[in-house]
Structures are given as structure tokens and as C-alpha cells.
N, C-alpha and C. Protein backbone atom coordinates (compact mmCIF):
# COMPACT_ATOMS: atom_id res chain seq x y z
N MET A 1 -61.94 -82.93 12.10
CA MET A 1 -63.07 -83.64 11.59
C MET A 1 -63.13 -83.55 10.08
N SER A 2 -63.79 -84.51 9.54
CA SER A 2 -63.90 -84.55 8.08
C SER A 2 -65.13 -83.78 7.61
N ASP A 3 -65.17 -83.58 6.32
CA ASP A 3 -66.28 -82.87 5.70
C ASP A 3 -67.52 -83.77 5.71
N LEU A 4 -68.67 -83.27 6.21
CA LEU A 4 -69.88 -84.07 6.36
C LEU A 4 -70.85 -83.91 5.19
N ARG A 5 -70.47 -83.22 4.14
CA ARG A 5 -71.36 -83.05 3.00
C ARG A 5 -71.49 -84.34 2.22
N ILE A 6 -72.68 -84.59 1.68
CA ILE A 6 -72.90 -85.77 0.86
C ILE A 6 -72.69 -85.38 -0.59
N ALA A 7 -71.77 -86.03 -1.19
CA ALA A 7 -71.46 -85.72 -2.58
C ALA A 7 -72.47 -86.40 -3.50
N GLY A 8 -72.92 -85.68 -4.50
CA GLY A 8 -73.78 -86.25 -5.53
C GLY A 8 -75.24 -86.38 -5.14
N ALA A 9 -75.67 -85.74 -4.08
CA ALA A 9 -77.09 -85.82 -3.70
C ALA A 9 -77.91 -85.02 -4.71
N ASN A 10 -78.98 -85.62 -5.16
CA ASN A 10 -79.86 -84.96 -6.13
C ASN A 10 -80.91 -84.14 -5.39
N LEU A 11 -80.60 -82.88 -5.21
CA LEU A 11 -81.54 -82.00 -4.56
C LEU A 11 -82.53 -81.47 -5.59
N PRO A 12 -83.77 -81.29 -5.19
CA PRO A 12 -84.74 -80.76 -6.16
C PRO A 12 -84.37 -79.33 -6.55
N LYS A 13 -84.59 -79.04 -7.81
CA LYS A 13 -84.30 -77.70 -8.30
C LYS A 13 -85.43 -76.77 -7.87
N PRO A 14 -85.09 -75.55 -7.51
CA PRO A 14 -86.17 -74.62 -7.13
C PRO A 14 -87.04 -74.27 -8.34
N ILE A 15 -88.29 -74.04 -8.06
CA ILE A 15 -89.22 -73.66 -9.12
C ILE A 15 -88.96 -72.21 -9.49
N GLU A 16 -88.78 -72.00 -10.78
CA GLU A 16 -88.52 -70.65 -11.25
C GLU A 16 -89.83 -69.98 -11.58
N ALA A 17 -89.99 -68.76 -11.11
CA ALA A 17 -91.20 -68.01 -11.39
C ALA A 17 -91.17 -67.52 -12.83
N PRO A 18 -92.30 -67.64 -13.55
CA PRO A 18 -92.33 -67.14 -14.92
C PRO A 18 -92.26 -65.62 -14.93
N GLU A 19 -91.80 -65.09 -16.03
CA GLU A 19 -91.76 -63.64 -16.17
C GLU A 19 -93.18 -63.14 -16.32
N ILE A 20 -93.51 -62.11 -15.57
CA ILE A 20 -94.85 -61.55 -15.63
C ILE A 20 -94.74 -60.18 -16.27
N HIS A 21 -95.49 -60.02 -17.35
CA HIS A 21 -95.52 -58.75 -18.05
C HIS A 21 -96.71 -57.96 -17.53
N GLY A 22 -96.59 -56.66 -17.52
CA GLY A 22 -97.68 -55.82 -17.06
C GLY A 22 -98.88 -55.91 -17.99
N ILE A 23 -100.03 -55.55 -17.47
CA ILE A 23 -101.25 -55.60 -18.27
C ILE A 23 -101.12 -54.61 -19.41
N GLY A 24 -101.41 -55.08 -20.61
CA GLY A 24 -101.42 -54.21 -21.77
C GLY A 24 -100.08 -54.06 -22.46
N GLN A 25 -99.00 -54.64 -21.92
CA GLN A 25 -97.71 -54.48 -22.56
C GLN A 25 -97.57 -55.41 -23.74
N GLY A 26 -97.79 -56.71 -23.55
CA GLY A 26 -97.76 -57.68 -24.64
C GLY A 26 -96.52 -57.57 -25.49
N SER A 27 -95.34 -57.71 -24.91
CA SER A 27 -94.12 -57.53 -25.67
C SER A 27 -93.91 -58.64 -26.69
N GLU A 28 -94.48 -59.81 -26.44
CA GLU A 28 -94.33 -60.91 -27.38
C GLU A 28 -95.49 -60.93 -28.35
N PRO A 29 -95.21 -61.12 -29.64
CA PRO A 29 -96.32 -61.19 -30.57
C PRO A 29 -97.13 -62.46 -30.31
N GLY A 30 -98.44 -62.31 -30.29
CA GLY A 30 -99.32 -63.44 -30.05
C GLY A 30 -99.45 -63.81 -28.59
N ALA A 31 -98.92 -62.98 -27.70
CA ALA A 31 -99.01 -63.27 -26.27
C ALA A 31 -100.46 -63.15 -25.82
N GLY A 32 -100.85 -63.94 -24.82
CA GLY A 32 -102.21 -63.89 -24.31
C GLY A 32 -102.42 -62.64 -23.49
N ASN A 33 -102.64 -61.55 -24.11
CA ASN A 33 -102.77 -60.25 -23.47
C ASN A 33 -104.25 -60.01 -23.16
N PHE A 34 -104.62 -60.01 -21.88
CA PHE A 34 -106.02 -59.89 -21.48
C PHE A 34 -106.61 -58.55 -21.91
N LEU A 35 -105.91 -57.47 -21.64
CA LEU A 35 -106.42 -56.15 -22.00
C LEU A 35 -106.57 -56.02 -23.51
N GLY A 36 -105.60 -56.53 -24.25
CA GLY A 36 -105.68 -56.49 -25.71
C GLY A 36 -106.86 -57.29 -26.23
N SER A 37 -107.12 -58.44 -25.61
CA SER A 37 -108.26 -59.26 -26.00
C SER A 37 -109.57 -58.54 -25.75
N LEU A 38 -109.65 -57.87 -24.60
CA LEU A 38 -110.87 -57.11 -24.31
C LEU A 38 -111.08 -55.97 -25.31
N LYS A 39 -110.01 -55.27 -25.61
CA LYS A 39 -110.12 -54.16 -26.57
C LYS A 39 -110.54 -54.68 -27.95
N GLU A 40 -109.98 -55.81 -28.34
CA GLU A 40 -110.32 -56.40 -29.64
C GLU A 40 -111.78 -56.83 -29.67
N ALA A 41 -112.25 -57.44 -28.59
CA ALA A 41 -113.65 -57.88 -28.52
C ALA A 41 -114.60 -56.68 -28.56
N ILE A 42 -114.26 -55.62 -27.84
CA ILE A 42 -115.09 -54.42 -27.85
C ILE A 42 -115.08 -53.79 -29.24
N GLY A 43 -113.95 -53.84 -29.91
CA GLY A 43 -113.88 -53.32 -31.28
C GLY A 43 -114.79 -54.09 -32.23
N HIS A 44 -114.82 -55.43 -32.09
CA HIS A 44 -115.70 -56.25 -32.93
C HIS A 44 -117.17 -55.94 -32.65
N ILE A 45 -117.48 -55.75 -31.38
CA ILE A 45 -118.86 -55.42 -31.01
C ILE A 45 -119.24 -54.06 -31.56
N ASN A 46 -118.33 -53.12 -31.50
CA ASN A 46 -118.58 -51.78 -32.05
C ASN A 46 -118.81 -51.86 -33.56
N GLU A 47 -118.01 -52.69 -34.25
CA GLU A 47 -118.19 -52.86 -35.69
C GLU A 47 -119.55 -53.48 -36.01
N ALA A 48 -119.99 -54.44 -35.19
CA ALA A 48 -121.30 -55.06 -35.39
C ALA A 48 -122.41 -54.03 -35.19
N GLN A 49 -122.27 -53.20 -34.16
CA GLN A 49 -123.28 -52.16 -33.91
C GLN A 49 -123.32 -51.14 -35.06
N THR A 50 -122.14 -50.75 -35.52
CA THR A 50 -122.07 -49.79 -36.63
C THR A 50 -122.65 -50.39 -37.90
N GLY A 51 -122.33 -51.66 -38.18
CA GLY A 51 -122.87 -52.33 -39.36
C GLY A 51 -124.38 -52.45 -39.31
N ALA A 52 -124.92 -52.76 -38.13
CA ALA A 52 -126.37 -52.86 -37.99
C ALA A 52 -127.02 -51.49 -38.19
N SER A 53 -126.40 -50.46 -37.65
CA SER A 53 -126.93 -49.11 -37.82
C SER A 53 -126.92 -48.69 -39.29
N GLN A 54 -125.85 -49.02 -39.99
CA GLN A 54 -125.77 -48.69 -41.41
C GLN A 54 -126.80 -49.48 -42.21
N ALA A 55 -127.03 -50.74 -41.84
CA ALA A 55 -128.03 -51.56 -42.54
C ALA A 55 -129.43 -50.99 -42.34
N VAL A 56 -129.73 -50.53 -41.13
CA VAL A 56 -131.04 -49.92 -40.86
C VAL A 56 -131.18 -48.63 -41.64
N ASP A 57 -130.14 -47.81 -41.66
CA ASP A 57 -130.18 -46.56 -42.42
C ASP A 57 -130.40 -46.83 -43.90
N ALA A 58 -129.72 -47.83 -44.44
CA ALA A 58 -129.88 -48.17 -45.85
C ALA A 58 -131.29 -48.66 -46.14
N LEU A 59 -131.87 -49.41 -45.21
CA LEU A 59 -133.23 -49.91 -45.40
C LEU A 59 -134.24 -48.77 -45.33
N VAL A 60 -134.05 -47.86 -44.39
CA VAL A 60 -134.99 -46.75 -44.22
C VAL A 60 -134.92 -45.78 -45.39
N THR A 61 -133.74 -45.53 -45.90
CA THR A 61 -133.59 -44.57 -47.01
C THR A 61 -133.89 -45.19 -48.36
N GLY A 62 -134.12 -46.49 -48.40
CA GLY A 62 -134.47 -47.14 -49.66
C GLY A 62 -133.28 -47.62 -50.47
N GLN A 63 -132.08 -47.48 -49.96
CA GLN A 63 -130.90 -47.95 -50.67
C GLN A 63 -130.84 -49.47 -50.69
N SER A 64 -131.49 -50.10 -49.72
CA SER A 64 -131.51 -51.55 -49.64
C SER A 64 -132.95 -52.01 -49.41
N THR A 65 -133.30 -53.15 -50.00
CA THR A 65 -134.64 -53.70 -49.77
C THR A 65 -134.55 -55.05 -49.07
N ASN A 66 -133.36 -55.42 -48.64
CA ASN A 66 -133.15 -56.71 -48.01
C ASN A 66 -133.39 -56.60 -46.50
N ILE A 67 -134.63 -56.81 -46.10
CA ILE A 67 -134.98 -56.70 -44.68
C ILE A 67 -134.39 -57.86 -43.88
N HIS A 68 -134.24 -59.00 -44.54
CA HIS A 68 -133.69 -60.17 -43.86
C HIS A 68 -132.26 -59.90 -43.39
N GLN A 69 -131.43 -59.37 -44.26
CA GLN A 69 -130.04 -59.09 -43.91
C GLN A 69 -129.97 -58.01 -42.82
N THR A 70 -130.86 -57.06 -42.88
CA THR A 70 -130.90 -56.00 -41.86
C THR A 70 -131.27 -56.58 -40.50
N MET A 71 -132.26 -57.45 -40.46
CA MET A 71 -132.68 -58.07 -39.20
C MET A 71 -131.57 -58.96 -38.63
N VAL A 72 -130.88 -59.69 -39.49
CA VAL A 72 -129.78 -60.54 -39.03
C VAL A 72 -128.66 -59.68 -38.45
N ALA A 73 -128.32 -58.58 -39.10
CA ALA A 73 -127.28 -57.68 -38.59
C ALA A 73 -127.68 -57.09 -37.24
N MET A 74 -128.96 -56.73 -37.10
CA MET A 74 -129.42 -56.18 -35.83
C MET A 74 -129.36 -57.22 -34.73
N GLN A 75 -129.75 -58.47 -35.02
CA GLN A 75 -129.72 -59.52 -34.02
C GLN A 75 -128.29 -59.88 -33.61
N GLN A 76 -127.38 -59.92 -34.60
CA GLN A 76 -125.98 -60.20 -34.29
C GLN A 76 -125.41 -59.12 -33.37
N ALA A 77 -125.72 -57.87 -33.66
CA ALA A 77 -125.23 -56.77 -32.83
C ALA A 77 -125.83 -56.86 -31.43
N ASP A 78 -127.12 -57.19 -31.35
CA ASP A 78 -127.77 -57.29 -30.05
C ASP A 78 -127.20 -58.43 -29.21
N VAL A 79 -127.01 -59.59 -29.82
CA VAL A 79 -126.48 -60.74 -29.08
C VAL A 79 -125.04 -60.48 -28.64
N SER A 80 -124.23 -59.89 -29.51
CA SER A 80 -122.85 -59.61 -29.12
C SER A 80 -122.79 -58.58 -28.00
N PHE A 81 -123.70 -57.60 -28.01
CA PHE A 81 -123.74 -56.61 -26.94
C PHE A 81 -124.17 -57.26 -25.63
N GLN A 82 -125.19 -58.13 -25.68
CA GLN A 82 -125.63 -58.82 -24.47
C GLN A 82 -124.52 -59.70 -23.90
N LEU A 83 -123.77 -60.37 -24.77
CA LEU A 83 -122.65 -61.19 -24.32
C LEU A 83 -121.60 -60.33 -23.63
N MET A 84 -121.28 -59.18 -24.23
CA MET A 84 -120.30 -58.28 -23.63
C MET A 84 -120.77 -57.83 -22.25
N MET A 85 -122.04 -57.54 -22.09
CA MET A 85 -122.56 -57.09 -20.81
C MET A 85 -122.49 -58.22 -19.77
N GLN A 86 -122.74 -59.46 -20.17
CA GLN A 86 -122.64 -60.58 -19.25
C GLN A 86 -121.19 -60.81 -18.81
N VAL A 87 -120.26 -60.67 -19.75
CA VAL A 87 -118.83 -60.81 -19.40
C VAL A 87 -118.43 -59.71 -18.45
N ARG A 88 -118.89 -58.50 -18.71
CA ARG A 88 -118.60 -57.38 -17.81
C ARG A 88 -119.16 -57.65 -16.41
N ASN A 89 -120.38 -58.15 -16.34
CA ASN A 89 -120.98 -58.45 -15.05
C ASN A 89 -120.17 -59.50 -14.30
N LYS A 90 -119.70 -60.53 -15.01
CA LYS A 90 -118.89 -61.57 -14.37
C LYS A 90 -117.56 -61.00 -13.89
N LEU A 91 -116.95 -60.13 -14.67
CA LEU A 91 -115.69 -59.51 -14.24
C LEU A 91 -115.89 -58.64 -13.01
N VAL A 92 -116.97 -57.88 -12.97
CA VAL A 92 -117.25 -57.04 -11.80
C VAL A 92 -117.49 -57.91 -10.58
N THR A 93 -118.24 -58.99 -10.74
CA THR A 93 -118.50 -59.91 -9.63
C THR A 93 -117.19 -60.52 -9.13
N ALA A 94 -116.33 -60.94 -10.04
CA ALA A 94 -115.04 -61.51 -9.65
C ALA A 94 -114.19 -60.48 -8.93
N TYR A 95 -114.18 -59.25 -9.40
CA TYR A 95 -113.42 -58.18 -8.75
C TYR A 95 -113.94 -57.94 -7.33
N GLU A 96 -115.26 -57.89 -7.20
CA GLU A 96 -115.84 -57.68 -5.86
C GLU A 96 -115.51 -58.83 -4.93
N GLU A 97 -115.50 -60.06 -5.46
CA GLU A 97 -115.15 -61.22 -4.64
C GLU A 97 -113.70 -61.15 -4.19
N ILE A 98 -112.82 -60.73 -5.06
CA ILE A 98 -111.41 -60.58 -4.70
C ILE A 98 -111.24 -59.49 -3.64
N GLN A 99 -112.01 -58.42 -3.74
CA GLN A 99 -111.94 -57.35 -2.76
C GLN A 99 -112.39 -57.83 -1.37
N ARG A 100 -113.29 -58.79 -1.31
CA ARG A 100 -113.79 -59.30 -0.03
C ARG A 100 -112.87 -60.33 0.60
N MET A 101 -111.88 -60.81 -0.15
CA MET A 101 -110.98 -61.84 0.39
C MET A 101 -110.15 -61.28 1.54
N GLN A 102 -109.95 -62.14 2.55
CA GLN A 102 -109.10 -61.78 3.68
C GLN A 102 -107.67 -62.13 3.34
N ILE A 103 -106.77 -61.24 3.69
CA ILE A 103 -105.35 -61.51 3.41
C ILE A 103 -104.67 -62.02 4.65
């Protein structure tokens, strides 16, 4: 018998899985690193809280008389903290939902 293969058939190429890096590794510069993004966001929030605290201390000790700037710094720190708490709540809710999924 002869060979029954069809020559030149265009078979679809298999889909290649992308390389998955572990959380927090970020070997590529500028990679979308979730853990790194969270750490950076928490760092910015910490800086806002520290700046607001320093502004209040300066106002109370008389080093600064600009109450407007102090109030703005306090509000920025408060809003950024509230945002962080809402993001945390959404992440916890998503985690709990994933835990309830049936496999």
C-alpha cells in the first residue's frame, strides 16, 4: 500500500503557553509585577501618612502657620488610606470567592 499522508496540509499550530514568573520575581524591568505594585502603592500611602503627620507636628509646634496645606495633606492621606482599605476588601472578597469555587 501507498503512503496515506496528505502532503502540505496546513495544520493549526498549537498555542504556546506564555512563561509565567512567580509572584514577586519580576525578572524583566518594567514587568507588570502585582506584588511589586502593591508594595509601591503601600509605600506611597505610608509617605502620605508620614507627610501629614509631619505637617500636623509643624503646625502644632508653630514651625508652620499654613493650616490649609496641613488640612490638604491630612485629607490626601485619609483618602489614600481609605482607597487602600477598599482595594484590600475587594482582594479578600475575590480570594474568598476563589476558595468557594468547585474544582
